[in-house]
Each structure stands twice: as C-alpha cells, then as structure tokens.
Amino acid sequence: MTVETEQQMAKKKGWHRLGVQNVDVKLPLTNAEKLELGEKQSNALMQMQQFESEKKEYDDDMKGQIKQLQNEAYEAARELKYGHKTINQDLPCFLDNEAQERVYVDLETGEELKREPMRVEDRQMRLDG
C-alpha cells in the first residue's frame, strides 16, 4: 500500500482541507494494554477495600469517643441542673427507729449523706431484736 499525500487523497475523494484540528479518536486496545488496565483496576479495588476497612475502624473508634463525650456532657448537665452529683460508695447504714428510716453516714465527717425509708427486712429485724 502506498502512502498518498494529503493533497492527492483530498483530490481523489473530492474533499477540501479545513486545516488541523484536535479530536478524540477511538482505537482498539492491545493485549498488553488490556493486561495493564486489568492490573490497574485490580490494584485500585484492593486499595479501596483497604481504605474502606481502615475507615470503618476509624469510624467505630470515633463513634466510641463521641459516645463517651456525649455521656460526659449529659452527666455534667445533669449535675448542673440538679446541683449535686451521684457517686456509688460503701457507707455504714444505721436505723433511725423514731423516723423509721435508714441513715447513711460518712464516718470521717459525721455527715448524714442519705436517708431512705426502712425496708421490710428492717422492720422484721426490729420485731426479732
């Protein structure tokens, strides 16, 4: 096959030259290009999976930290609203028979920290004792 000049080709086909223009042209892929693109796709998918896994771990960690901060904010708001805080503490318990109440006392300060109504078993102890 012989290579024609632009002028010969145009004259032969009855075309008129407009100049040079930049256009996209579709060309079939070679086997080497197909293999390279397959590897590129595979690598991208594996990296996406890795990032998704890391993102999930990060999201789970952030959710836990956010939940902890929400609890701290809630607790602070509750204490501010009611003007006291609640702690769990082992304290000596006494019965005030006159008031029919249990009394919890801080022995170091002598302060009464809590009073609550006597329980059924407290009343039974009074009868037995």
C-alpha atoms as a PDB file:
ATOM      1  CA  MET A   1       0.000   0.000   0.000  1.00  0.00           C
ATOM      2  CA  THR A   2       1.355   3.385  -0.942  1.00  0.00           C
ATOM      3  CA  VAL A   3       1.113   6.464   1.190  1.00  0.00           C
ATOM      4  CA  GLU A   4      -0.682   9.297  -0.510  1.00  0.00           C
ATOM      5  CA  THR A   5      -0.058  12.940   0.195  1.00  0.00           C
ATOM      6  CA  GLU A   6      -2.858  14.927   1.777  1.00  0.00           C
ATOM      7  CA  GLN A   7      -3.459  16.712  -1.474  1.00  0.00           C
ATOM      8  CA  GLN A   8      -3.694  13.515  -3.502  1.00  0.00           C
ATOM      9  CA  MET A   9      -6.108  11.923  -1.042  1.00  0.00           C
ATOM     10  CA  ALA A  10      -8.291  15.011  -0.842  1.00  0.00           C
ATOM     11  CA  LYS A  11      -8.404  15.388  -4.625  1.00  0.00           C
ATOM     12  CA  LYS A  12      -9.206  11.704  -5.113  1.00  0.00           C
ATOM     13  CA  LYS A  13     -12.109  11.779  -2.597  1.00  0.00           C
ATOM     14  CA  GLY A  14     -13.381  15.210  -3.558  1.00  0.00           C
ATOM     15  CA  TRP A  15     -12.639  16.686  -0.132  1.00  0.00           C
ATOM     16  CA  HIS A  16     -11.426  20.181   0.775  1.00  0.00           C
ATOM     17  CA  ARG A  17      -8.809  20.604   3.536  1.00  0.00           C
ATOM     18  CA  LEU A  18     -10.028  22.590   6.565  1.00  0.00           C
ATOM     19  CA  GLY A  19      -6.763  22.563   8.461  1.00  0.00           C
ATOM     20  CA  VAL A  20      -5.556  20.601  11.530  1.00  0.00           C
ATOM     21  CA  GLN A  21      -7.940  20.047  14.448  1.00  0.00           C
ATOM     22  CA  ASN A  22      -7.594  18.220  17.751  1.00  0.00           C
ATOM     23  CA  VAL A  23     -10.130  15.369  18.038  1.00  0.00           C
ATOM     24  CA  ASP A  24     -10.608  12.227  20.150  1.00  0.00           C
ATOM     25  CA  VAL A  25     -10.257   9.028  18.140  1.00  0.00           C
ATOM     26  CA  LYS A  26     -11.241   5.562  19.406  1.00  0.00           C
ATOM     27  CA  LEU A  27      -8.589   2.895  18.918  1.00  0.00           C
ATOM     28  CA  PRO A  28      -8.875  -0.770  19.941  1.00  0.00           C
ATOM     29  CA  LEU A  29      -6.805  -1.826  22.954  1.00  0.00           C
ATOM     30  CA  THR A  30      -3.821  -4.093  22.510  1.00  0.00           C
ATOM     31  CA  ASN A  31      -3.499  -7.239  24.641  1.00  0.00           C
ATOM     32  CA  ALA A  32      -0.687  -5.584  26.638  1.00  0.00           C
ATOM     33  CA  GLU A  33      -2.887  -2.535  27.313  1.00  0.00           C
ATOM     34  CA  LYS A  34      -5.774  -4.774  28.387  1.00  0.00           C
ATOM     35  CA  LEU A  35      -3.491  -6.613  30.807  1.00  0.00           C
ATOM     36  CA  GLU A  36      -2.112  -3.351  32.209  1.00  0.00           C
ATOM     37  CA  LEU A  37      -5.626  -1.913  32.667  1.00  0.00           C
ATOM     38  CA  GLY A  38      -6.789  -5.118  34.392  1.00  0.00           C
ATOM     39  CA  GLU A  39      -3.900  -4.877  36.866  1.00  0.00           C
ATOM     40  CA  LYS A  40      -4.618  -1.178  37.418  1.00  0.00           C
ATOM     41  CA  GLN A  41      -8.285  -1.935  38.117  1.00  0.00           C
ATOM     42  CA  SER A  42      -7.428  -4.809  40.465  1.00  0.00           C
ATOM     43  CA  ASN A  43      -4.926  -2.696  42.415  1.00  0.00           C
ATOM     44  CA  ALA A  44      -7.415   0.159  42.712  1.00  0.00           C
ATOM     45  CA  LEU A  45     -10.146  -2.183  44.008  1.00  0.00           C
ATOM     46  CA  MET A  46      -7.814  -3.773  46.579  1.00  0.00           C
ATOM     47  CA  GLN A  47      -6.702  -0.341  47.799  1.00  0.00           C
ATOM     48  CA  MET A  48     -10.346   0.779  48.011  1.00  0.00           C
ATOM     49  CA  GLN A  49     -11.161  -2.258  50.172  1.00  0.00           C
ATOM     50  CA  GLN A  50      -8.197  -1.484  52.427  1.00  0.00           C
ATOM     51  CA  PHE A  51      -9.313   2.139  52.802  1.00  0.00           C
ATOM     52  CA  GLU A  52     -12.909   1.048  53.484  1.00  0.00           C
ATOM     53  CA  SER A  53     -11.675  -1.267  56.234  1.00  0.00           C
ATOM     54  CA  GLU A  54      -9.487   1.425  57.786  1.00  0.00           C
ATOM     55  CA  LYS A  55     -12.346   3.939  57.524  1.00  0.00           C
ATOM     56  CA  LYS A  56     -14.691   1.545  59.333  1.00  0.00           C
ATOM     57  CA  GLU A  57     -12.181   1.070  62.147  1.00  0.00           C
ATOM     58  CA  TYR A  58     -11.701   4.839  62.373  1.00  0.00           C
ATOM     59  CA  ASP A  59     -15.475   5.457  62.300  1.00  0.00           C
ATOM     60  CA  ASP A  60     -16.053   2.879  65.044  1.00  0.00           C
ATOM     61  CA  ASP A  61     -13.337   4.475  67.164  1.00  0.00           C
ATOM     62  CA  MET A  62     -14.771   7.963  66.588  1.00  0.00           C
ATOM     63  CA  LYS A  63     -18.288   6.749  67.453  1.00  0.00           C
ATOM     64  CA  GLY A  64     -16.962   5.392  70.746  1.00  0.00           C
ATOM     65  CA  GLN A  65     -15.182   8.641  71.555  1.00  0.00           C
ATOM     66  CA  ILE A  66     -18.246  10.695  70.601  1.00  0.00           C
ATOM     67  CA  LYS A  67     -20.471   8.480  72.777  1.00  0.00           C
ATOM     68  CA  GLN A  68     -18.094   8.946  75.721  1.00  0.00           C
ATOM     69  CA  LEU A  69     -18.118  12.721  75.258  1.00  0.00           C
ATOM     70  CA  GLN A  70     -21.913  12.737  74.978  1.00  0.00           C
ATOM     71  CA  ASN A  71     -22.114  10.853  78.286  1.00  0.00           C
ATOM     72  CA  GLU A  72     -19.720  13.300  79.933  1.00  0.00           C
ATOM     73  CA  ALA A  73     -21.722  16.282  78.646  1.00  0.00           C
ATOM     74  CA  TYR A  74     -25.002  14.688  79.777  1.00  0.00           C
ATOM     75  CA  GLU A  75     -23.616  13.930  83.236  1.00  0.00           C
ATOM     76  CA  ALA A  76     -22.252  17.469  83.627  1.00  0.00           C
ATOM     77  CA  ALA A  77     -25.582  18.958  82.510  1.00  0.00           C
ATOM     78  CA  ARG A  78     -27.486  16.718  84.916  1.00  0.00           C
ATOM     79  CA  GLU A  79     -25.273  17.666  87.839  1.00  0.00           C
ATOM     80  CA  LEU A  80     -25.581  21.350  87.000  1.00  0.00           C
ATOM     81  CA  LYS A  81     -29.357  21.091  86.671  1.00  0.00           C
ATOM     82  CA  TYR A  82     -29.892  19.322  89.996  1.00  0.00           C
ATOM     83  CA  GLY A  83     -26.997  20.912  91.886  1.00  0.00           C
ATOM     84  CA  HIS A  84     -25.465  17.640  93.079  1.00  0.00           C
ATOM     85  CA  LYS A  85     -23.536  14.656  91.837  1.00  0.00           C
ATOM     86  CA  THR A  86     -24.184  10.981  92.475  1.00  0.00           C
ATOM     87  CA  ILE A  87     -21.415   8.594  93.428  1.00  0.00           C
ATOM     88  CA  ASN A  88     -21.539   4.936  94.411  1.00  0.00           C
ATOM     89  CA  GLN A  89     -19.923   4.396  97.786  1.00  0.00           C
ATOM     90  CA  ASP A  90     -19.978   1.815 100.589  1.00  0.00           C
ATOM     91  CA  LEU A  91     -21.242   3.597 103.703  1.00  0.00           C
ATOM     92  CA  PRO A  92     -22.275   2.493 107.176  1.00  0.00           C
ATOM     93  CA  CYS A  93     -26.045   2.200 107.475  1.00  0.00           C
ATOM     94  CA  PHE A  94     -27.974   2.915 110.669  1.00  0.00           C
ATOM     95  CA  LEU A  95     -31.646   2.548 111.529  1.00  0.00           C
ATOM     96  CA  ASP A  96     -33.462   5.574 112.941  1.00  0.00           C
ATOM     97  CA  ASN A  97     -36.389   3.833 114.617  1.00  0.00           C
ATOM     98  CA  GLU A  98     -38.067   7.083 115.544  1.00  0.00           C
ATOM     99  CA  ALA A  99     -38.135   8.346 111.936  1.00  0.00           C
ATOM    100  CA  GLN A 100     -38.396   4.774 110.576  1.00  0.00           C
ATOM    101  CA  GLU A 101     -35.581   5.463 108.156  1.00  0.00           C
ATOM    102  CA  ARG A 102     -32.222   4.093 107.117  1.00  0.00           C
ATOM    103  CA  VAL A 103     -29.444   6.631 107.617  1.00  0.00           C
ATOM    104  CA  TYR A 104     -26.143   6.536 105.673  1.00  0.00           C
ATOM    105  CA  VAL A 105     -23.270   8.399 107.302  1.00  0.00           C
ATOM    106  CA  ASP A 106     -19.729   9.429 106.333  1.00  0.00           C
ATOM    107  CA  LEU A 107     -17.826   8.386 109.459  1.00  0.00           C
ATOM    108  CA  GLU A 108     -14.876  10.681 108.689  1.00  0.00           C
ATOM    109  CA  THR A 109     -17.020  13.814 108.684  1.00  0.00           C
ATOM    110  CA  GLY A 110     -20.036  12.588 110.647  1.00  0.00           C
ATOM    111  CA  GLU A 111     -22.226  13.954 107.869  1.00  0.00           C
ATOM    112  CA  GLU A 112     -25.521  12.272 107.059  1.00  0.00           C
ATOM    113  CA  LEU A 113     -25.324  11.646 103.332  1.00  0.00           C
ATOM    114  CA  LYS A 114     -28.639   9.928 102.704  1.00  0.00           C
ATOM    115  CA  ARG A 115     -31.906   8.903 104.321  1.00  0.00           C
ATOM    116  CA  GLU A 116     -34.410   6.434 102.920  1.00  0.00           C
ATOM    117  CA  PRO A 117     -37.490   4.663 104.293  1.00  0.00           C
ATOM    118  CA  MET A 118     -36.969   1.480 106.257  1.00  0.00           C
ATOM    119  CA  ARG A 119     -37.285  -1.724 104.276  1.00  0.00           C
ATOM    120  CA  VAL A 120     -39.464  -4.692 105.167  1.00  0.00           C
ATOM    121  CA  GLU A 121     -36.454  -6.631 106.433  1.00  0.00           C
ATOM    122  CA  ASP A 122     -35.525  -3.690 108.714  1.00  0.00           C
ATOM    123  CA  ARG A 123     -38.959  -3.772 110.326  1.00  0.00           C
ATOM    124  CA  GLN A 124     -38.685  -7.568 110.793  1.00  0.00           C
ATOM    125  CA  MET A 125     -35.266  -7.072 112.465  1.00  0.00           C
ATOM    126  CA  ARG A 126     -36.880  -4.605 114.926  1.00  0.00           C
ATOM    127  CA  LEU A 127     -39.507  -7.203 115.846  1.00  0.00           C
ATOM    128  CA  ASP A 128     -36.948 -10.012 116.232  1.00  0.00           C
ATOM    129  CA  GLY A 129     -34.433  -7.944 118.072  1.00  0.00           C
END
